[in-house]
Amino acid sequence: MVVDGIYYALALMAGGALVSWLTGPVFGVPLFILAGFCLWFFRDPEREIPSGPVAVSPADGKVVLVRADGPATQISIFLNIFDVHVNRTPIAGRVTGVNYRPGRFLVASRAEASAENEQNTMIVEGDGTRVVFSQIAGLIARRIVCYKKPGDVVRAGERIGLIKFGSRMDVLLGPEWNIQVRPGERVKAGSSVLARRTDQ
């Protein structure tokens, strides 16, 4: 579990206890329910990472877009409030860029969110390839967390951060990748294969 969930849950439970003491147990119940939801929302399950020349999904969610973007391909994944929100790196390599950009908070399932919403973009280079992926805030998600910095070495599927409460993840893959997913598919961070290398 992500430690943030414990902090939120403890605060809500304390609030629930106070409200129950002041007004009666029934009035504290909603806060106790929210505390339980936070513990569930910030879950962080272990994942089996596929081997071989593959790019794994950086997020749990639904693929909402697969489109050519010049010589590269963009894959967009929408995370609803019920998905695991811990993010992972698609490939192994060295982090060569981490760029935060403020922006709007449009509904993350909309295509405009990729260009206009607040986001944190990470670049990982390794084994002759370069993958760019962005943590994008949404209508409800207003907090992007990134654990990594330029120069860090990461394993494929390693945890790199999270986006709190509903969001979007965009991945940009070069022409050396053969895309394995289509819009409408559900993917899981670290274990679902988004693409395979065509030059290996």
Protein backbone atom coordinates (compact mmCIF):
# COMPACT_ATOMS: atom_id res chain seq x y z
CA MET A 1 0.00 0.00 0.00
CA VAL A 2 1.13 3.56 -0.74
CA VAL A 3 1.81 5.33 2.55
CA ASP A 4 -0.36 8.31 1.49
CA GLY A 5 -3.43 6.09 1.86
CA ILE A 6 -2.58 5.40 5.50
CA TYR A 7 -2.29 9.13 6.24
CA TYR A 8 -5.61 9.91 4.56
CA ALA A 9 -7.32 7.02 6.34
CA LEU A 10 -5.97 8.01 9.75
CA ALA A 11 -7.13 11.61 9.28
CA LEU A 12 -10.60 10.49 8.20
CA MET A 13 -10.87 8.00 11.08
CA ALA A 14 -9.88 10.71 13.54
CA GLY A 15 -12.51 12.98 12.02
CA GLY A 16 -15.07 10.19 12.20
CA ALA A 17 -14.28 9.55 15.86
CA LEU A 18 -14.61 13.24 16.68
CA VAL A 19 -17.90 13.61 14.81
CA SER A 20 -19.25 10.45 16.48
CA TRP A 21 -18.31 11.77 19.91
CA LEU A 22 -19.85 15.19 19.29
CA THR A 23 -23.03 14.24 17.44
CA GLY A 24 -23.52 10.48 17.66
CA PRO A 25 -22.05 7.36 16.00
CA VAL A 26 -24.29 7.41 12.91
CA PHE A 27 -22.87 10.78 11.78
CA GLY A 28 -19.31 9.50 11.86
CA VAL A 29 -20.05 6.52 9.61
CA PRO A 30 -19.48 8.37 6.26
CA LEU A 31 -15.98 9.37 7.37
CA PHE A 32 -15.16 5.79 8.40
CA ILE A 33 -16.38 4.59 4.99
CA LEU A 34 -14.16 7.15 3.25
CA ALA A 35 -11.23 5.97 5.37
CA GLY A 36 -11.80 2.42 4.17
CA PHE A 37 -12.02 3.64 0.57
CA CYS A 38 -8.66 5.42 0.89
CA LEU A 39 -7.01 2.25 2.18
CA TRP A 40 -8.42 0.38 -0.82
CA PHE A 41 -7.68 3.13 -3.37
CA PHE A 42 -4.00 3.39 -2.48
CA ARG A 43 -3.38 -0.35 -2.85
CA ASP A 44 -0.12 -1.30 -4.55
CA PRO A 45 -0.22 -4.94 -5.70
CA GLU A 46 2.86 -6.80 -6.84
CA ARG A 47 2.98 -7.51 -10.58
CA GLU A 48 4.79 -10.13 -12.65
CA ILE A 49 6.89 -8.20 -15.18
CA PRO A 50 7.16 -9.84 -18.66
CA SER A 51 10.65 -10.52 -19.96
CA GLY A 52 12.00 -9.87 -23.43
CA PRO A 53 12.07 -6.79 -25.70
CA VAL A 54 8.69 -5.40 -24.65
CA ALA A 55 7.24 -2.14 -23.35
CA VAL A 56 4.83 -2.71 -20.48
CA SER A 57 1.92 -0.52 -19.52
CA PRO A 58 2.87 2.28 -17.11
CA ALA A 59 -0.65 2.38 -15.66
CA ASP A 60 -3.78 0.37 -14.92
CA GLY A 61 -6.79 1.46 -16.94
CA LYS A 62 -8.50 1.49 -20.30
CA VAL A 63 -6.73 2.22 -23.58
CA VAL A 64 -8.66 5.16 -25.03
CA LEU A 65 -6.36 6.13 -27.91
CA VAL A 66 -3.80 4.54 -30.23
CA ARG A 67 -2.67 6.87 -33.02
CA ALA A 68 0.30 7.76 -35.16
CA ASP A 69 2.14 10.88 -34.03
CA GLY A 70 4.68 11.45 -36.79
CA PRO A 71 7.03 8.46 -36.90
CA ALA A 72 5.98 7.51 -33.36
CA THR A 73 2.76 6.09 -31.89
CA GLN A 74 0.84 7.56 -28.97
CA ILE A 75 -1.04 5.27 -26.59
CA SER A 76 -3.34 6.90 -24.03
CA ILE A 77 -4.65 5.10 -20.95
CA PHE A 78 -7.51 6.42 -18.82
CA LEU A 79 -7.53 5.54 -15.13
CA ASN A 80 -10.87 5.72 -13.39
CA ILE A 81 -11.21 6.10 -9.65
CA PHE A 82 -11.39 2.31 -9.16
CA ASP A 83 -8.05 1.53 -10.89
CA VAL A 84 -4.72 1.09 -9.12
CA HIS A 85 -3.00 4.47 -9.45
CA VAL A 86 0.64 3.47 -8.91
CA ASN A 87 2.61 4.13 -12.12
CA ARG A 88 5.51 2.09 -13.51
CA THR A 89 8.17 2.58 -16.18
CA PRO A 90 7.48 0.83 -19.54
CA ILE A 91 11.13 -0.15 -20.15
CA ALA A 92 14.41 -0.53 -18.33
CA GLY A 93 17.03 2.16 -18.74
CA ARG A 94 18.17 5.53 -17.49
CA VAL A 95 15.85 8.43 -16.77
CA THR A 96 17.07 11.23 -19.05
CA GLY A 97 14.30 13.71 -18.43
CA VAL A 98 11.57 14.60 -15.92
CA ASN A 99 9.56 17.65 -16.88
CA TYR A 100 6.60 19.01 -14.92
CA ARG A 101 4.15 21.34 -16.67
CA PRO A 102 1.20 23.11 -15.04
CA GLY A 103 -2.07 23.17 -16.92
CA ARG A 104 -5.82 22.67 -16.83
CA PHE A 105 -7.88 19.90 -15.20
CA LEU A 106 -10.10 18.69 -18.03
CA VAL A 107 -11.77 15.27 -17.81
CA ALA A 108 -8.82 12.91 -18.36
CA SER A 109 -10.65 10.69 -20.87
CA ARG A 110 -10.84 13.58 -23.36
CA ALA A 111 -8.15 13.82 -26.04
CA GLU A 112 -7.56 17.50 -25.22
CA ALA A 113 -6.26 16.47 -21.79
CA SER A 114 -3.00 15.25 -23.37
CA ALA A 115 -2.15 18.76 -24.53
CA GLU A 116 -3.83 21.01 -21.98
CA ASN A 117 -3.84 19.31 -18.56
CA GLU A 118 -1.25 19.52 -15.80
CA GLN A 119 1.30 16.77 -16.37
CA ASN A 120 4.67 15.28 -15.58
CA THR A 121 6.61 13.83 -18.52
CA MET A 122 9.39 11.29 -18.08
CA ILE A 123 11.90 10.05 -20.66
CA VAL A 124 13.62 6.69 -20.25
CA GLU A 125 16.39 5.53 -22.60
CA GLY A 126 17.82 2.04 -22.73
CA ASP A 127 18.92 -0.73 -25.10
CA GLY A 128 18.86 1.55 -28.12
CA THR A 129 15.35 2.90 -27.62
CA ARG A 130 13.67 5.88 -26.01
CA VAL A 131 10.20 5.93 -24.44
CA VAL A 132 8.39 9.09 -23.39
CA PHE A 133 5.42 8.84 -21.02
CA SER A 134 3.34 11.42 -19.18
CA GLN A 135 1.40 11.35 -15.92
CA ILE A 136 -1.58 13.60 -16.61
CA ALA A 137 -3.92 15.07 -14.00
CA GLY A 138 -7.69 14.97 -14.53
CA LEU A 139 -10.89 16.57 -13.31
CA ILE A 140 -10.57 14.97 -9.87
CA ALA A 141 -6.87 14.10 -9.84
CA ARG A 142 -4.99 17.21 -8.72
CA ARG A 143 -1.81 15.65 -7.38
CA ILE A 144 0.92 14.04 -9.47
CA VAL A 145 3.67 12.23 -7.56
CA CYS A 146 6.98 11.25 -9.20
CA TYR A 147 9.68 9.33 -7.31
CA LYS A 148 12.39 9.55 -9.98
CA LYS A 149 14.84 12.17 -11.22
CA PRO A 150 17.18 12.46 -14.23
CA GLY A 151 20.07 10.04 -13.95
CA ASP A 152 18.16 7.35 -12.07
CA VAL A 153 18.42 3.82 -13.47
CA VAL A 154 15.13 1.91 -13.55
CA ARG A 155 14.04 -1.66 -14.22
CA ALA A 156 11.14 -2.45 -16.55
CA GLY A 157 7.93 -2.22 -14.54
CA GLU A 158 9.58 -0.41 -11.63
CA ARG A 159 7.35 1.97 -9.66
CA ILE A 160 7.97 5.60 -10.63
CA GLY A 161 5.11 7.45 -8.94
CA LEU A 162 1.34 7.79 -8.83
CA ILE A 163 -1.53 10.09 -9.75
CA LYS A 164 -4.11 10.55 -7.02
CA PHE A 165 -7.77 9.91 -7.89
CA GLY A 166 -8.56 9.39 -11.60
CA SER A 167 -6.18 10.46 -14.36
CA ARG A 168 -4.53 9.69 -17.70
CA MET A 169 -1.22 8.27 -18.88
CA ASP A 170 0.18 8.91 -22.37
CA VAL A 171 3.00 6.81 -23.84
CA LEU A 172 4.99 7.70 -26.97
CA LEU A 173 6.78 4.81 -28.71
CA GLY A 174 9.10 5.05 -31.71
CA PRO A 175 8.84 3.17 -35.04
CA GLU A 176 10.94 0.30 -33.67
CA TRP A 177 7.92 -0.82 -31.63
CA ASN A 178 5.07 -3.04 -32.82
CA ILE A 179 1.93 -1.97 -30.94
CA GLN A 180 0.05 -4.83 -29.23
CA VAL A 181 -3.03 -3.03 -27.84
CA ARG A 182 -6.16 -1.45 -29.24
CA PRO A 183 -8.61 1.15 -27.93
CA GLY A 184 -11.08 -0.36 -25.48
CA GLU A 185 -8.63 -2.88 -23.99
CA ARG A 186 -7.93 -2.95 -20.25
CA VAL A 187 -4.28 -2.97 -19.19
CA LYS A 188 -2.38 -3.38 -15.94
CA ALA A 189 0.75 -1.48 -14.97
CA GLY A 190 3.90 -3.55 -15.23
CA SER A 191 2.26 -6.73 -16.49
CA SER A 192 0.38 -5.84 -19.71
CA VAL A 193 2.49 -5.60 -22.88
CA LEU A 194 1.84 -2.44 -24.89
CA ALA A 195 4.40 -3.11 -27.63
CA ARG A 196 7.22 -5.39 -28.80
CA ARG A 197 10.49 -4.41 -30.43
CA THR A 198 10.60 -5.11 -34.17
CA ASP A 199 14.39 -4.77 -34.44
CA GLN A 200 15.29 -7.54 -31.97
